[in-house]
C-alpha atoms as a PDB file:
ATOM      1  CA  THR A   1    -162.260  10.642 -96.002  1.00  0.00           C
ATOM      2  CA  LYS A   2    -162.457   8.100 -93.165  1.00  0.00           C
ATOM      3  CA  GLN A   3    -166.166   6.340 -92.922  1.00  0.00           C
ATOM      4  CA  GLY A   4    -168.579   8.136 -91.095  1.00  0.00           C
ATOM      5  CA  PRO A   5    -172.110   9.731 -91.503  1.00  0.00           C
ATOM      6  CA  SER A   6    -170.489  12.470 -93.667  1.00  0.00           C
ATOM      7  CA  ASN A   7    -168.200  10.692 -95.439  1.00  0.00           C
ATOM      8  CA  LEU A   8    -166.742  13.688 -97.516  1.00  0.00           C
ATOM      9  CA  ALA A   9    -164.985  13.369-100.663  1.00  0.00           C
ATOM     10  CA  SER A  10    -162.275  15.460-102.928  1.00  0.00           C
ATOM     11  CA  ALA A  11    -162.169  15.766-106.620  1.00  0.00           C
ATOM     12  CA  TRP A  12    -159.347  17.493-108.364  1.00  0.00           C
ATOM     13  CA  GLN A  13    -157.429  17.797-111.432  1.00  0.00           C
ATOM     14  CA  VAL A  14    -153.644  18.562-112.070  1.00  0.00           C
ATOM     15  CA  ASP A  15    -152.302  20.277-115.382  1.00  0.00           C
ATOM     16  CA  GLY A  16    -149.501  18.229-116.457  1.00  0.00           C
ATOM     17  CA  SER A  17    -147.504  20.730-118.048  1.00  0.00           C
ATOM     18  CA  THR A  18    -147.672  23.425-115.025  1.00  0.00           C
ATOM     19  CA  SER A  19    -148.488  20.902-111.829  1.00  0.00           C
ATOM     20  CA  GLN A  20    -151.385  23.414-111.169  1.00  0.00           C
ATOM     21  CA  GLY A  21    -154.364  21.949-109.680  1.00  0.00           C
ATOM     22  CA  ASP A  22    -157.983  22.918-109.259  1.00  0.00           C
ATOM     23  CA  PHE A  23    -160.471  21.065-107.156  1.00  0.00           C
ATOM     24  CA  LEU A  24    -164.306  20.856-107.006  1.00  0.00           C
ATOM     25  CA  HIS A  25    -166.022  23.050-104.969  1.00  0.00           C
ATOM     26  CA  GLY A  26    -169.378  21.410-103.989  1.00  0.00           C
ATOM     27  CA  TYR A  27    -171.542  20.054-101.088  1.00  0.00           C
ATOM     28  CA  SER A  28    -169.568  17.135 -99.535  1.00  0.00           C
ATOM     29  CA  TYR A  29    -166.445  17.911-101.433  1.00  0.00           C
ATOM     30  CA  GLU A  30    -163.457  19.331 -99.791  1.00  0.00           C
ATOM     31  CA  ASN A  31    -160.429  20.944-100.573  1.00  0.00           C
ATOM     32  CA  PRO A  32    -157.740  18.324-100.869  1.00  0.00           C
ATOM     33  CA  ASP A  33    -155.059  20.161 -99.565  1.00  0.00           C
ATOM     34  CA  GLU A  34    -156.642  19.876 -96.103  1.00  0.00           C
ATOM     35  CA  HIS A  35    -156.151  16.239 -95.847  1.00  0.00           C
ATOM     36  CA  ASP A  36    -152.945  13.909 -96.163  1.00  0.00           C
ATOM     37  CA  TRP A  37    -154.057  12.589 -99.371  1.00  0.00           C
ATOM     38  CA  LEU A  38    -150.248  11.917-100.206  1.00  0.00           C
ATOM     39  CA  SER A  39    -150.135   8.931 -97.760  1.00  0.00           C
ATOM     40  CA  ALA A  40    -153.425   7.745 -98.533  1.00  0.00           C
ATOM     41  CA  PRO A  41    -153.677   4.423-100.475  1.00  0.00           C
ATOM     42  CA  LEU A  42    -153.602   5.035-104.197  1.00  0.00           C
ATOM     43  CA  VAL A  43    -155.213   3.017-106.841  1.00  0.00           C
ATOM     44  CA  GLU A  44    -154.948   3.941-110.682  1.00  0.00           C
ATOM     45  CA  VAL A  45    -158.187   3.224-112.759  1.00  0.00           C
ATOM     46  CA  ASP A  46    -158.399   2.973-116.506  1.00  0.00           C
ATOM     47  CA  ALA A  47    -161.768   3.655-118.731  1.00  0.00           C
ATOM     48  CA  PRO A  48    -162.641   6.233-121.464  1.00  0.00           C
ATOM     49  CA  CYS A  49    -164.461   8.086-118.709  1.00  0.00           C
ATOM     50  CA  PHE A  50    -165.679   7.954-115.034  1.00  0.00           C
ATOM     51  CA  GLY A  51    -168.644   9.136-112.842  1.00  0.00           C
ATOM     52  CA  ALA A  52    -168.541   9.296-109.152  1.00  0.00           C
ATOM     53  CA  PHE A  53    -171.107  10.066-106.541  1.00  0.00           C
ATOM     54  CA  THR A  54    -170.956   9.889-102.502  1.00  0.00           C
ATOM     55  CA  GLY A  55    -173.323  11.093-100.184  1.00  0.00           C
ATOM     56  CA  TRP A  56    -174.284  11.098 -96.259  1.00  0.00           C
ATOM     57  CA  GLN A  57    -174.758   7.792 -94.418  1.00  0.00           C
ATOM     58  CA  PRO A  58    -173.247   5.525 -96.860  1.00  0.00           C
ATOM     59  CA  GLN A  59    -173.500   2.905 -94.605  1.00  0.00           C
ATOM     60  CA  SER A  60    -177.187   3.154 -93.771  1.00  0.00           C
ATOM     61  CA  TYR A  61    -179.510   0.993 -95.677  1.00  0.00           C
ATOM     62  CA  GLY A  62    -182.255   3.418 -95.249  1.00  0.00           C
ATOM     63  CA  HIS A  63    -180.310   6.578 -96.775  1.00  0.00           C
ATOM     64  CA  VAL A  64    -178.794   4.325 -99.300  1.00  0.00           C
ATOM     65  CA  LEU A  65    -182.419   3.086-100.581  1.00  0.00           C
ATOM     66  CA  ASP A  66    -184.206   6.678-100.228  1.00  0.00           C
ATOM     67  CA  TYR A  67    -181.406   8.637-101.781  1.00  0.00           C
ATOM     68  CA  HIS A  68    -178.042   7.135-102.893  1.00  0.00           C
ATOM     69  CA  LEU A  69    -179.478   4.782-105.460  1.00  0.00           C
ATOM     70  CA  SER A  70    -181.272   7.295-107.260  1.00  0.00           C
ATOM     71  CA  GLN A  71    -178.378   9.600-107.544  1.00  0.00           C
ATOM     72  CA  VAL A  72    -176.434   6.622-108.885  1.00  0.00           C
ATOM     73  CA  ALA A  73    -179.215   5.971-111.625  1.00  0.00           C
ATOM     74  CA  PHE A  74    -179.115   9.295-112.515  1.00  0.00           C
ATOM     75  CA  LEU A  75    -175.330   9.295-112.969  1.00  0.00           C
ATOM     76  CA  ALA A  76    -175.609   6.058-114.713  1.00  0.00           C
ATOM     77  CA  GLY A  77    -178.373   7.374-117.075  1.00  0.00           C
ATOM     78  CA  ARG A  78    -176.449  10.469-118.064  1.00  0.00           C
ATOM     79  CA  LEU A  79    -172.929   8.539-118.762  1.00  0.00           C
ATOM     80  CA  SER A  80    -172.401   6.462-121.629  1.00  0.00           C
ATOM     81  CA  ARG A  81    -172.094   2.802-121.052  1.00  0.00           C
ATOM     82  CA  GLU A  82    -168.460   2.576-121.425  1.00  0.00           C
ATOM     83  CA  CYS A  83    -167.876   4.985-118.520  1.00  0.00           C
ATOM     84  CA  ARG A  84    -167.171   3.257-115.292  1.00  0.00           C
ATOM     85  CA  LEU A  85    -168.382   4.342-111.683  1.00  0.00           C
ATOM     86  CA  LEU A  86    -166.358   5.149-108.800  1.00  0.00           C
ATOM     87  CA  LEU A  87    -168.475   4.287-105.552  1.00  0.00           C
ATOM     88  CA  LEU A  88    -167.713   3.634-101.896  1.00  0.00           C
ATOM     89  CA  GLU A  89    -168.054   0.056-100.508  1.00  0.00           C
ATOM     90  CA  GLY A  90    -171.141  -0.506 -98.604  1.00  0.00           C
ATOM     91  CA  PRO A  91    -174.507  -1.561 -98.686  1.00  0.00           C
ATOM     92  CA  LEU A  92    -175.024  -0.222-102.048  1.00  0.00           C
ATOM     93  CA  GLN A  93    -172.610  -2.923-103.277  1.00  0.00           C
ATOM     94  CA  ASP A  94    -175.200  -5.662-102.236  1.00  0.00           C
ATOM     95  CA  ILE A  95    -178.218  -3.917-103.614  1.00  0.00           C
ATOM     96  CA  LEU A  96    -176.612  -3.345-107.325  1.00  0.00           C
ATOM     97  CA  LEU A  97    -175.360  -7.104-107.194  1.00  0.00           C
ATOM     98  CA  ALA A  98    -178.727  -8.341-106.541  1.00  0.00           C
ATOM     99  CA  VAL A  99    -180.788  -6.118-109.038  1.00  0.00           C
ATOM    100  CA  ASP A 100    -178.561  -5.428-111.885  1.00  0.00           C
ATOM    101  CA  GLU A 101    -175.199  -7.189-112.037  1.00  0.00           C
ATOM    102  CA  GLU A 102    -174.287  -5.446-115.265  1.00  0.00           C
ATOM    103  CA  LEU A 103    -174.367  -2.219-113.607  1.00  0.00           C
ATOM    104  CA  TYR A 104    -172.623  -3.660-110.509  1.00  0.00           C
ATOM    105  CA  ASN A 105    -169.661  -4.877-112.774  1.00  0.00           C
ATOM    106  CA  ARG A 106    -169.439  -1.113-114.106  1.00  0.00           C
ATOM    107  CA  VAL A 107    -168.496   0.014-110.558  1.00  0.00           C
ATOM    108  CA  LEU A 108    -165.056   0.511-109.215  1.00  0.00           C
ATOM    109  CA  TRP A 109    -165.495  -0.061-105.491  1.00  0.00           C
ATOM    110  CA  LEU A 110    -163.402   2.275-103.170  1.00  0.00           C
ATOM    111  CA  SER A 111    -162.888   2.108 -99.614  1.00  0.00           C
ATOM    112  CA  PRO A 112    -162.940   5.201 -97.598  1.00  0.00           C
ATOM    113  CA  GLY A 113    -159.582   6.983 -97.565  1.00  0.00           C
ATOM    114  CA  THR A 114    -158.354   5.756-100.918  1.00  0.00           C
ATOM    115  CA  VAL A 115    -157.261   8.029-103.993  1.00  0.00           C
ATOM    116  CA  ALA A 116    -158.321   7.293-107.477  1.00  0.00           C
ATOM    117  CA  LYS A 117    -155.992   8.399-110.119  1.00  0.00           C
ATOM    118  CA  MET A 118    -157.452   8.502-113.642  1.00  0.00           C
ATOM    119  CA  LYS A 119    -156.818  10.061-117.117  1.00  0.00           C
ATOM    120  CA  GLY A 120    -159.906  11.387-118.953  1.00  0.00           C
ATOM    121  CA  SER A 121    -163.120  12.920-117.907  1.00  0.00           C
ATOM    122  CA  LEU A 122    -164.913  12.658-114.530  1.00  0.00           C
ATOM    123  CA  ALA A 123    -168.533  13.272-114.068  1.00  0.00           C
ATOM    124  CA  VAL A 124    -169.248  14.102-110.351  1.00  0.00           C
ATOM    125  CA  ALA A 125    -172.833  14.364-108.811  1.00  0.00           C
ATOM    126  CA  PHE A 126    -173.155  16.333-105.748  1.00  0.00           C
ATOM    127  CA  HIS A 127    -176.220  17.316-103.718  1.00  0.00           C
ATOM    128  CA  PRO A 128    -177.845  20.893-103.813  1.00  0.00           C
ATOM    129  CA  SER A 129    -176.975  23.003-100.757  1.00  0.00           C
ATOM    130  CA  SER A 130    -176.650  26.461 -99.538  1.00  0.00           C
ATOM    131  CA  LEU A 131    -173.251  25.667 -98.257  1.00  0.00           C
ATOM    132  CA  ASN A 132    -171.719  25.930-101.664  1.00  0.00           C
ATOM    133  CA  ASP A 133    -171.960  28.712-104.097  1.00  0.00           C
ATOM    134  CA  ARG A 134    -172.114  26.455-107.246  1.00  0.00           C
ATOM    135  CA  THR A 135    -174.917  25.016-108.890  1.00  0.00           C
ATOM    136  CA  ALA A 136    -175.251  21.538-108.284  1.00  0.00           C
ATOM    137  CA  VAL A 137    -175.374  19.162-110.901  1.00  0.00           C
ATOM    138  CA  VAL A 138    -177.946  16.315-109.469  1.00  0.00           C
ATOM    139  CA  PRO A 139    -181.571  17.035-108.759  1.00  0.00           C
ATOM    140  CA  LYS A 140    -182.428  15.765-105.247  1.00  0.00           C
ATOM    141  CA  TRP A 141    -185.517  14.538-106.050  1.00  0.00           C
ATOM    142  CA  GLY A 142    -185.872  14.650-109.684  1.00  0.00           C
ATOM    143  CA  ALA A 143    -183.467  11.640-110.101  1.00  0.00           C
ATOM    144  CA  ASN A 144    -186.178   9.424-108.985  1.00  0.00           C
ATOM    145  CA  ALA A 145    -187.297   9.495-112.469  1.00  0.00           C
ATOM    146  CA  TYR A 146    -183.939   7.971-113.460  1.00  0.00           C
ATOM    147  CA  LEU A 147    -184.426   5.587-110.674  1.00  0.00           C
ATOM    148  CA  GLN A 148    -187.671   4.397-111.903  1.00  0.00           C
ATOM    149  CA  SER A 149    -186.748   4.229-115.705  1.00  0.00           C
ATOM    150  CA  TRP A 150    -183.743   2.078-114.656  1.00  0.00           C
ATOM    151  CA  LEU A 151    -185.701  -0.317-112.543  1.00  0.00           C
ATOM    152  CA  ASN A 152    -188.304  -0.677-115.127  1.00  0.00           C
ATOM    153  CA  ALA A 153    -185.777  -1.860-117.494  1.00  0.00           C
ATOM    154  CA  ILE A 154    -184.043  -4.499-115.241  1.00  0.00           C
ATOM    155  CA  ASP A 155    -185.511  -7.941-116.619  1.00  0.00           C
ATOM    156  CA  TYR A 156    -186.149  -9.059-112.876  1.00  0.00           C
ATOM    157  CA  PHE A 157    -188.567 -11.647-112.225  1.00  0.00           C
ATOM    158  CA  VAL A 158    -190.226 -12.263-108.664  1.00  0.00           C
ATOM    159  CA  SER A 159    -192.503 -14.815-108.207  1.00  0.00           C
ATOM    160  CA  ASP A 160    -195.999 -13.925-106.527  1.00  0.00           C
ATOM    161  CA  GLU A 161    -194.670 -16.010-103.378  1.00  0.00           C
ATOM    162  CA  GLU A 162    -191.386 -13.616-103.185  1.00  0.00           C
ATOM    163  CA  LYS A 163    -193.274 -10.324-103.550  1.00  0.00           C
ATOM    164  CA  VAL A 164    -193.495  -8.136-100.397  1.00  0.00           C
ATOM    165  CA  VAL A 165    -195.005  -4.762 -99.256  1.00  0.00           C
ATOM    166  CA  VAL A 166    -192.176  -2.901 -97.190  1.00  0.00           C
ATOM    167  CA  TYR A 167    -193.184  -0.437 -94.669  1.00  0.00           C
ATOM    168  CA  HIS A 168    -190.424   1.546 -92.978  1.00  0.00           C
ATOM    169  CA  SER A 169    -191.204   1.804 -89.238  1.00  0.00           C
ATOM    170  CA  ARG A 170    -189.446   4.735 -87.576  1.00  0.00           C
ATOM    171  CA  VAL A 171    -189.843   4.131 -83.795  1.00  0.00           C
ATOM    172  CA  VAL A 172    -187.556   4.234 -80.676  1.00  0.00           C
ATOM    173  CA  PRO A 173    -185.095   2.340 -80.236  1.00  0.00           C
ATOM    174  CA  GLN A 174    -184.366   1.985 -83.761  1.00  0.00           C
ATOM    175  CA  ALA A 175    -184.837   5.625 -84.668  1.00  0.00           C
ATOM    176  CA  LYS A 176    -183.421   7.827 -82.281  1.00  0.00           C
ATOM    177  CA  HIS A 177    -183.215  11.320 -83.766  1.00  0.00           C
ATOM    178  CA  GLY A 178    -185.758  13.154 -85.486  1.00  0.00           C
ATOM    179  CA  ARG A 179    -188.444  12.076 -87.749  1.00  0.00           C
ATOM    180  CA  ILE A 180    -189.721   9.667 -84.966  1.00  0.00           C
ATOM    181  CA  MET A 181    -193.395   8.277 -85.225  1.00  0.00           C
ATOM    182  CA  ASP A 182    -195.623   7.914 -82.278  1.00  0.00           C
ATOM    183  CA  PRO A 183    -195.630   4.030 -81.487  1.00  0.00           C
ATOM    184  CA  GLU A 184    -199.595   3.944 -81.360  1.00  0.00           C
ATOM    185  CA  HIS A 185    -199.859   5.869 -84.671  1.00  0.00           C
ATOM    186  CA  ASN A 186    -197.115   3.392 -86.162  1.00  0.00           C
ATOM    187  CA  GLY A 187    -199.212   0.525 -85.032  1.00  0.00           C
ATOM    188  CA  HIS A 188    -202.485   1.686 -86.649  1.00  0.00           C
ATOM    189  CA  ILE A 189    -200.686   2.340 -90.069  1.00  0.00           C
ATOM    190  CA  ILE A 190    -199.561  -1.192 -89.949  1.00  0.00           C
ATOM    191  CA  GLU A 191    -202.967  -2.502 -89.224  1.00  0.00           C
ATOM    192  CA  ILE A 192    -204.117  -0.353 -92.091  1.00  0.00           C
ATOM    193  CA  ILE A 193    -201.861  -1.729 -94.616  1.00  0.00           C
ATOM    194  CA  ARG A 194    -202.775  -5.386 -93.492  1.00  0.00           C
ATOM    195  CA  ARG A 195    -206.520  -5.028 -93.787  1.00  0.00           C
ATOM    196  CA  SER A 196    -205.818  -3.207 -97.153  1.00  0.00           C
ATOM    197  CA  LEU A 197    -204.030  -5.867 -98.427  1.00  0.00           C
ATOM    198  CA  GLU A 198    -206.839  -8.543 -97.350  1.00  0.00           C
ATOM    199  CA  ARG A 199    -209.448  -6.467 -98.563  1.00  0.00           C
ATOM    200  CA  ASN A 200    -207.712  -6.109-102.043  1.00  0.00           C
ATOM    201  CA  GLY A 201    -206.748  -9.689-102.156  1.00  0.00           C
ATOM    202  CA  ARG A 202    -203.242  -8.868-102.252  1.00  0.00           C
ATOM    203  CA  PRO A 203    -200.743 -11.749-102.147  1.00  0.00           C
ATOM    204  CA  GLU A 204    -197.665  -9.718-100.981  1.00  0.00           C
ATOM    205  CA  ARG A 205    -196.314 -10.462 -97.640  1.00  0.00           C
ATOM    206  CA  LEU A 206    -196.144  -7.382 -95.318  1.00  0.00           C
ATOM    207  CA  VAL A 207    -192.409  -6.755 -93.991  1.00  0.00           C
ATOM    208  CA  VAL A 208    -191.904  -4.001 -91.419  1.00  0.00           C
ATOM    209  CA  TYR A 209    -188.482  -2.513 -91.660  1.00  0.00           C
ATOM    210  CA  ASP A 210    -186.946  -0.767 -89.035  1.00  0.00           C
ATOM    211  CA  GLY A 211    -183.211  -0.299 -90.340  1.00  0.00           C
ATOM    212  CA  THR A 212    -181.985  -3.420 -88.583  1.00  0.00           C
ATOM    213  CA  THR A 213    -181.218  -7.056 -89.472  1.00  0.00           C
ATOM    214  CA  LEU A 214    -182.283  -8.705 -86.076  1.00  0.00           C
ATOM    215  CA  ALA A 215    -186.067  -9.373 -86.526  1.00  0.00           C
ATOM    216  CA  ASP A 216    -187.396 -12.435 -88.660  1.00  0.00           C
ATOM    217  CA  ASP A 217    -188.318 -10.146 -91.600  1.00  0.00           C
ATOM    218  CA  GLY A 218    -184.691  -8.418 -91.448  1.00  0.00           C
END
């Protein structure tokens, strides 16, 4: 569908002999008949097998880091290395390119509203929800084990001068809905982190991340 916070998708298969179709019932996956997919941009993709994932807020770095990345790690960990991944363009591209170029090159990046036509198998991961009556095939938090395993396996060197400790700050005006921290409490937490780094002789630089790229730290 069009780019947005929800970013709904559809996945369906068609029997070549009967032209009958069946679509995936799952959270964030809709009936394709409800969309004008016949006039959508079409790309034909080729690989022995495919995996796909889409989730909420795909253009938000915070959500990509907190949720999307672990689901992609789960999907990649369950599929053979010959399989390609179908993922939406966005911040995830920059992250994968920076930390794992090999996995990045396995991805076929799709723009919103694009239909990918394929032959063969497709594994689709979606989030558990009471909104659908099927059992979801991906754990929400259990996928973090796949994320940790994947990151530990990457030969990625960072010098002591480049290491940072990241604190995610959620205060107004950057955070505008729910889960907002009191500014004074937020400041106390930052000072506690700074003092702890000094007390333990840690060389890492503290980066206060607020979801924007306007501050010096980005």
